Amino acid sequence: MAKALSACGARVAVCSLRAHTSQAVVDEIRASGGTAIAVAFNVLEKAEVQAACTRIEQDLGPIDILINGAGGNHPKGTTSKEYLDPADLAAPAGSTTTFFDLDPAGIAQVFNLNFQGTLLPSQVFCRGMADRKQGVVINITSMNSFRPLTKIPAYSGAKAAVSNFTQWMAVHFSQVGIRVNALAPGFFLTNQNRALLTDAKGGLTARGEKIIAHTPLRRFGDPEDLIGALLWLVSDASKFVTGVVVPVDGGFSAYSGV
C-alpha cells in the first residue's frame, strides 16, 4: 500500500512498531524515486502516536490519508478445536484450550491491538484533517467481521468492532470533510498465518485446504490485490463513498459452501 501510494505521488510515512520494518519499505520507495520516512511507535501509546504525528507533519506536511493497519491475533484468544466436544469438558487441565479456558488477558490484548490500535491513531491523525476539512481514513478490518471464523473468537469480534467503528467514524466526521471506509481482506498468506495455512513442504494444511475450497477464485490473495480498492477509496473516484467495508476476498463472503 505504501509503495502504491508513493507511485501515485504521495509523500509516505511508513509506520510500524519496529524501526527496521518501516525502514526496509522506505528504502524501496526511495530507490524508486519516491519520498518516504520511517516512523516507529506503539499504536496503543497515545503519546507516542502524537509524537509520530508531529514528526510526520514537520517532515512531510499535512496528513491527508490515514491507513489504520495495526492488528493481529493472540494464541491465548484462540481455541484448540473448531467445535466443543463433550469429551473436552472432562479433559485434563492444559490438554486442550476450550472456549471456557480462554485467557481474558489474551482476549484483551487482541481487542486493544485491533480496536484501540485503530481508535487512538484516528484521534491523533484525524484532528488535523478536521481542522482543514479534508481527509480520508482507511481502516483494515477482515472477512472475520462478516463471517466469524472458528477457533478465533477474539480476533473475529475485534475486527467486527473495527468494521462497526468505521461506520461510526464515517457518520461522525461527515460534516468536517473526512471520508472513512475500510478494506476487508480475505485470506492472504503472511508471516503471521503461514504456519497455520501451509506445511513445511509448502503444501496446504487441513485449514488451508478448507479455506481454498471456500474461496471461489481458488487461491490466497496477493498484496497487490488490495491496491485497486485502496486507490479507489483514497481518490476522488469515491468522493461520494463513505462508511463502507469493501471485501477483497476472492468471493469467500459470497460462497455458502454448497
Protein backbone atom coordinates (compact mmCIF):
# COMPACT_ATOMS: atom_id res chain seq x y z
CA MET A 1 0.00 0.00 0.00
CA ALA A 2 2.78 2.43 0.92
CA LYS A 3 4.62 1.71 -2.32
CA ALA A 4 1.45 2.07 -4.41
CA LEU A 5 0.58 5.42 -2.86
CA SER A 6 4.12 6.63 -3.40
CA ALA A 7 3.95 5.61 -7.06
CA CYS A 8 0.93 7.91 -7.34
CA GLY A 9 2.92 10.84 -5.99
CA ALA A 10 2.11 10.70 -2.28
CA ARG A 11 4.71 11.50 0.36
CA VAL A 12 4.50 8.50 2.63
CA ALA A 13 5.21 7.85 6.30
CA VAL A 14 5.65 4.12 6.82
CA CYS A 15 4.78 3.36 10.43
CA SER A 16 5.33 0.21 12.45
CA LEU A 17 6.24 -0.95 15.92
CA ARG A 18 9.84 -1.70 14.91
CA ALA A 19 12.00 0.77 13.02
CA HIS A 20 13.74 -1.78 10.78
CA THR A 21 10.40 -2.98 9.39
CA SER A 22 9.44 0.51 8.29
CA GLN A 23 12.91 1.36 7.01
CA ALA A 24 13.02 -1.60 4.64
CA VAL A 25 9.89 -0.34 2.86
CA VAL A 26 11.16 3.25 2.90
CA ASP A 27 14.40 2.17 1.24
CA GLU A 28 12.40 0.55 -1.59
CA ILE A 29 10.29 3.66 -2.07
CA ARG A 30 13.29 5.97 -2.13
CA ALA A 31 15.10 3.68 -4.58
CA SER A 32 12.13 4.13 -6.90
CA GLY A 33 12.33 7.91 -6.63
CA GLY A 34 9.61 8.39 -4.05
CA THR A 35 9.55 10.40 -0.83
CA ALA A 36 9.13 8.43 2.39
CA ILE A 37 10.17 8.36 6.02
CA ALA A 38 10.16 5.54 8.57
CA VAL A 39 8.42 6.12 11.89
CA ALA A 40 8.32 3.62 14.75
CA PHE A 41 5.76 3.86 17.54
CA ASN A 42 3.28 1.83 19.56
CA VAL A 43 -0.30 2.47 18.40
CA LEU A 44 -1.52 1.77 21.94
CA GLU A 45 0.53 4.60 23.48
CA LYS A 46 -1.21 7.86 22.60
CA ALA A 47 1.79 10.00 23.49
CA GLU A 48 3.92 8.03 21.04
CA VAL A 49 1.26 8.40 18.35
CA GLN A 50 1.13 12.15 18.93
CA ALA A 51 4.91 12.46 18.73
CA ALA A 52 4.87 10.50 15.47
CA CYS A 53 2.16 12.74 14.04
CA THR A 54 4.17 15.85 14.91
CA ARG A 55 7.28 14.47 13.23
CA ILE A 56 5.39 13.41 10.10
CA GLU A 57 3.79 16.83 9.72
CA GLN A 58 7.16 18.52 10.17
CA ASP A 59 8.89 16.28 7.61
CA LEU A 60 6.16 15.70 5.04
CA GLY A 61 3.47 18.33 5.62
CA PRO A 62 -0.25 17.97 6.39
CA ILE A 63 -1.63 14.44 6.55
CA ASP A 64 -4.38 13.73 4.01
CA ILE A 65 -4.62 9.92 4.19
CA LEU A 66 -4.54 7.64 7.23
CA ILE A 67 -4.39 3.86 6.85
CA ASN A 68 -5.05 2.06 10.13
CA GLY A 69 -3.35 -1.27 9.57
CA ALA A 70 -2.33 -2.37 13.06
CA GLY A 71 -3.79 -5.73 14.04
CA GLY A 72 -3.23 -9.36 14.84
CA ASN A 73 -4.33 -12.32 16.90
CA HIS A 74 -3.01 -13.92 20.09
CA PRO A 75 -2.79 -17.64 20.96
CA LYS A 76 -4.47 -17.00 24.32
CA GLY A 77 -7.60 -15.84 22.49
CA THR A 78 -7.75 -19.00 20.35
CA THR A 79 -9.43 -22.35 20.99
CA SER A 80 -7.69 -25.62 20.14
CA LYS A 81 -10.61 -27.05 18.20
CA GLU A 82 -13.30 -25.74 15.88
CA TYR A 83 -16.11 -27.39 17.85
CA LEU A 84 -16.60 -28.11 21.54
CA ASP A 85 -16.62 -31.85 22.08
CA PRO A 86 -18.35 -33.20 25.21
CA ALA A 87 -15.17 -35.14 25.98
CA ASP A 88 -13.21 -31.90 26.16
CA LEU A 89 -15.13 -30.89 29.27
CA ALA A 90 -13.55 -33.77 31.19
CA ALA A 91 -10.10 -33.50 29.61
CA PRO A 92 -7.09 -32.92 31.90
CA ALA A 93 -6.24 -29.30 32.50
CA GLY A 94 -3.91 -27.92 29.86
CA SER A 95 -4.51 -30.71 27.34
CA THR A 96 -6.79 -28.57 25.19
CA THR A 97 -7.99 -24.97 25.13
CA THR A 98 -11.75 -24.76 25.06
CA PHE A 99 -13.90 -21.63 24.99
CA PHE A 100 -14.04 -21.85 28.79
CA ASP A 101 -10.23 -21.76 29.03
CA LEU A 102 -9.64 -18.59 27.02
CA ASP A 103 -7.43 -16.12 28.86
CA PRO A 104 -9.07 -12.72 29.49
CA ALA A 105 -5.66 -11.05 29.19
CA GLY A 106 -5.10 -12.59 25.77
CA ILE A 107 -8.56 -11.56 24.62
CA ALA A 108 -7.98 -8.01 25.88
CA GLN A 109 -4.69 -7.83 24.02
CA VAL A 110 -6.40 -8.78 20.75
CA PHE A 111 -9.16 -6.21 21.24
CA ASN A 112 -6.72 -3.50 22.25
CA LEU A 113 -4.41 -4.03 19.30
CA ASN A 114 -7.16 -4.19 16.69
CA PHE A 115 -9.75 -1.75 18.03
CA GLN A 116 -7.79 0.63 20.25
CA GLY A 117 -5.00 0.45 17.68
CA THR A 118 -7.45 1.95 15.20
CA LEU A 119 -9.20 4.39 17.54
CA LEU A 120 -6.12 6.06 19.08
CA PRO A 121 -4.32 6.85 15.78
CA SER A 122 -7.62 8.14 14.41
CA GLN A 123 -7.95 10.51 17.36
CA VAL A 124 -4.48 11.90 16.72
CA PHE A 125 -4.14 11.93 12.94
CA CYS A 126 -7.70 12.98 12.13
CA ARG A 127 -7.53 16.18 14.18
CA GLY A 128 -5.55 18.00 11.50
CA MET A 129 -7.85 16.64 8.82
CA ALA A 130 -10.86 18.00 10.69
CA ASP A 131 -9.21 21.42 11.04
CA ARG A 132 -8.55 21.51 7.28
CA LYS A 133 -11.90 19.90 6.46
CA GLN A 134 -10.42 17.25 4.21
CA GLY A 135 -9.02 13.77 4.58
CA VAL A 136 -9.53 10.07 4.01
CA VAL A 137 -9.26 7.23 6.51
CA ILE A 138 -8.93 3.58 5.51
CA ASN A 139 -9.31 1.01 8.28
CA ILE A 140 -8.13 -2.54 7.73
CA THR A 141 -10.69 -4.98 9.01
CA SER A 142 -11.15 -8.61 7.92
CA MET A 143 -13.56 -11.12 6.45
CA ASN A 144 -13.91 -12.24 10.07
CA SER A 145 -16.02 -9.15 10.59
CA PHE A 146 -18.64 -10.55 8.18
CA ARG A 147 -18.32 -14.27 8.89
CA PRO A 148 -16.56 -15.24 12.12
CA LEU A 149 -14.00 -17.98 11.72
CA THR A 150 -13.79 -20.98 14.01
CA LYS A 151 -11.17 -21.03 16.78
CA ILE A 152 -10.50 -17.26 16.87
CA PRO A 153 -13.43 -15.57 18.65
CA ALA A 154 -11.37 -12.66 20.00
CA TYR A 155 -9.94 -11.71 16.60
CA SER A 156 -13.31 -12.11 14.86
CA GLY A 157 -15.02 -9.93 17.45
CA ALA A 158 -12.28 -7.31 17.36
CA LYS A 159 -12.43 -6.98 13.58
CA ALA A 160 -16.23 -6.76 13.74
CA ALA A 161 -15.70 -3.85 16.12
CA VAL A 162 -13.38 -2.16 13.61
CA SER A 163 -16.00 -2.51 10.86
CA ASN A 164 -18.68 -1.04 13.11
CA PHE A 165 -16.32 1.74 14.17
CA THR A 166 -15.66 2.53 10.51
CA GLN A 167 -19.35 3.24 10.02
CA TRP A 168 -19.48 5.28 13.21
CA MET A 169 -16.50 7.37 12.17
CA ALA A 170 -17.96 7.96 8.71
CA VAL A 171 -21.09 9.47 10.21
CA HIS A 172 -19.27 11.40 12.93
CA PHE A 173 -16.80 13.02 10.52
CA SER A 174 -19.25 13.61 7.67
CA GLN A 175 -19.59 17.32 8.39
CA VAL A 176 -15.84 18.05 8.51
CA GLY A 177 -14.83 16.65 5.13
CA ILE A 178 -13.38 13.33 6.26
CA ARG A 179 -14.43 10.14 4.50
CA VAL A 180 -13.92 6.84 6.35
CA ASN A 181 -14.06 3.42 4.73
CA ALA A 182 -12.50 0.01 5.32
CA LEU A 183 -10.93 -2.84 3.41
CA ALA A 184 -11.76 -6.38 4.48
CA PRO A 185 -9.08 -8.70 3.10
CA GLY A 186 -9.88 -12.36 2.71
CA PHE A 187 -7.09 -14.88 3.16
CA PHE A 188 -3.63 -13.53 2.38
CA LEU A 189 -0.52 -15.53 3.28
CA THR A 190 1.52 -13.53 5.80
CA ASN A 191 4.23 -14.21 8.34
CA GLN A 192 1.52 -14.35 11.00
CA ASN A 193 -0.56 -17.11 9.42
CA ARG A 194 1.82 -19.01 7.11
CA ALA A 195 2.43 -21.84 9.58
CA LEU A 196 -1.32 -22.16 10.12
CA LEU A 197 -2.19 -22.43 6.41
CA THR A 198 0.84 -24.17 4.88
CA ASP A 199 3.08 -27.05 5.96
CA ALA A 200 6.86 -27.34 5.98
CA LYS A 201 6.88 -28.58 2.37
CA GLY A 202 4.83 -25.63 1.11
CA GLY A 203 1.60 -27.59 0.79
CA LEU A 204 -1.68 -26.68 2.42
CA THR A 205 -2.67 -27.68 5.92
CA ALA A 206 -6.17 -29.00 6.51
CA ARG A 207 -7.31 -25.50 7.44
CA GLY A 208 -5.61 -24.06 4.37
CA GLU A 209 -7.36 -26.58 2.14
CA LYS A 210 -10.71 -25.73 3.69
CA ILE A 211 -10.14 -22.02 3.03
CA ILE A 212 -9.22 -22.53 -0.62
CA ALA A 213 -12.22 -24.83 -1.07
CA HIS A 214 -14.46 -22.00 0.15
CA THR A 215 -12.79 -19.30 -1.94
CA PRO A 216 -14.33 -19.31 -5.45
CA LEU A 217 -11.18 -17.87 -7.07
CA ARG A 218 -9.29 -20.84 -5.56
CA ARG A 219 -6.20 -19.03 -4.29
CA PHE A 220 -4.91 -16.88 -1.46
CA GLY A 221 -4.76 -13.15 -2.03
CA ASP A 222 -1.61 -11.35 -3.10
CA PRO A 223 -0.77 -7.98 -1.51
CA GLU A 224 -1.22 -6.32 -4.90
CA ASP A 225 -4.86 -7.45 -4.91
CA LEU A 226 -5.61 -4.72 -2.34
CA ILE A 227 -4.22 -1.86 -4.39
CA GLY A 228 -7.13 -1.25 -6.75
CA ALA A 229 -9.67 -0.92 -3.96
CA LEU A 230 -7.25 1.21 -1.93
CA LEU A 231 -6.61 3.72 -4.73
CA TRP A 232 -10.34 3.94 -5.45
CA LEU A 233 -11.18 4.69 -1.81
CA VAL A 234 -8.48 7.32 -1.26
CA SER A 235 -9.16 9.17 -4.52
CA ASP A 236 -11.95 11.45 -5.72
CA ALA A 237 -13.25 8.50 -7.74
CA SER A 238 -15.04 7.55 -4.50
CA LYS A 239 -15.83 11.06 -3.26
CA PHE A 240 -19.46 10.08 -2.52
CA VAL A 241 -18.47 6.83 -0.79
CA THR A 242 -18.12 6.74 2.99
CA GLY A 243 -18.94 4.21 5.70
CA VAL A 244 -18.48 1.08 3.57
CA VAL A 245 -16.44 -2.06 4.18
CA VAL A 246 -15.13 -3.47 0.91
CA PRO A 247 -14.38 -7.22 0.79
CA VAL A 248 -11.28 -8.19 -1.15
CA ASP A 249 -11.64 -11.90 -0.65
CA GLY A 250 -11.79 -13.87 -3.90
CA GLY A 251 -15.52 -14.45 -3.38
CA PHE A 252 -15.22 -16.05 0.08
CA SER A 253 -18.04 -13.96 1.54
CA ALA A 254 -20.36 -14.84 -1.34
CA TYR A 255 -19.95 -18.62 -1.13
CA SER A 256 -22.24 -20.66 1.11
CA GLY A 257 -20.23 -23.85 0.72
CA VAL A 258 -22.83 -25.61 -1.43
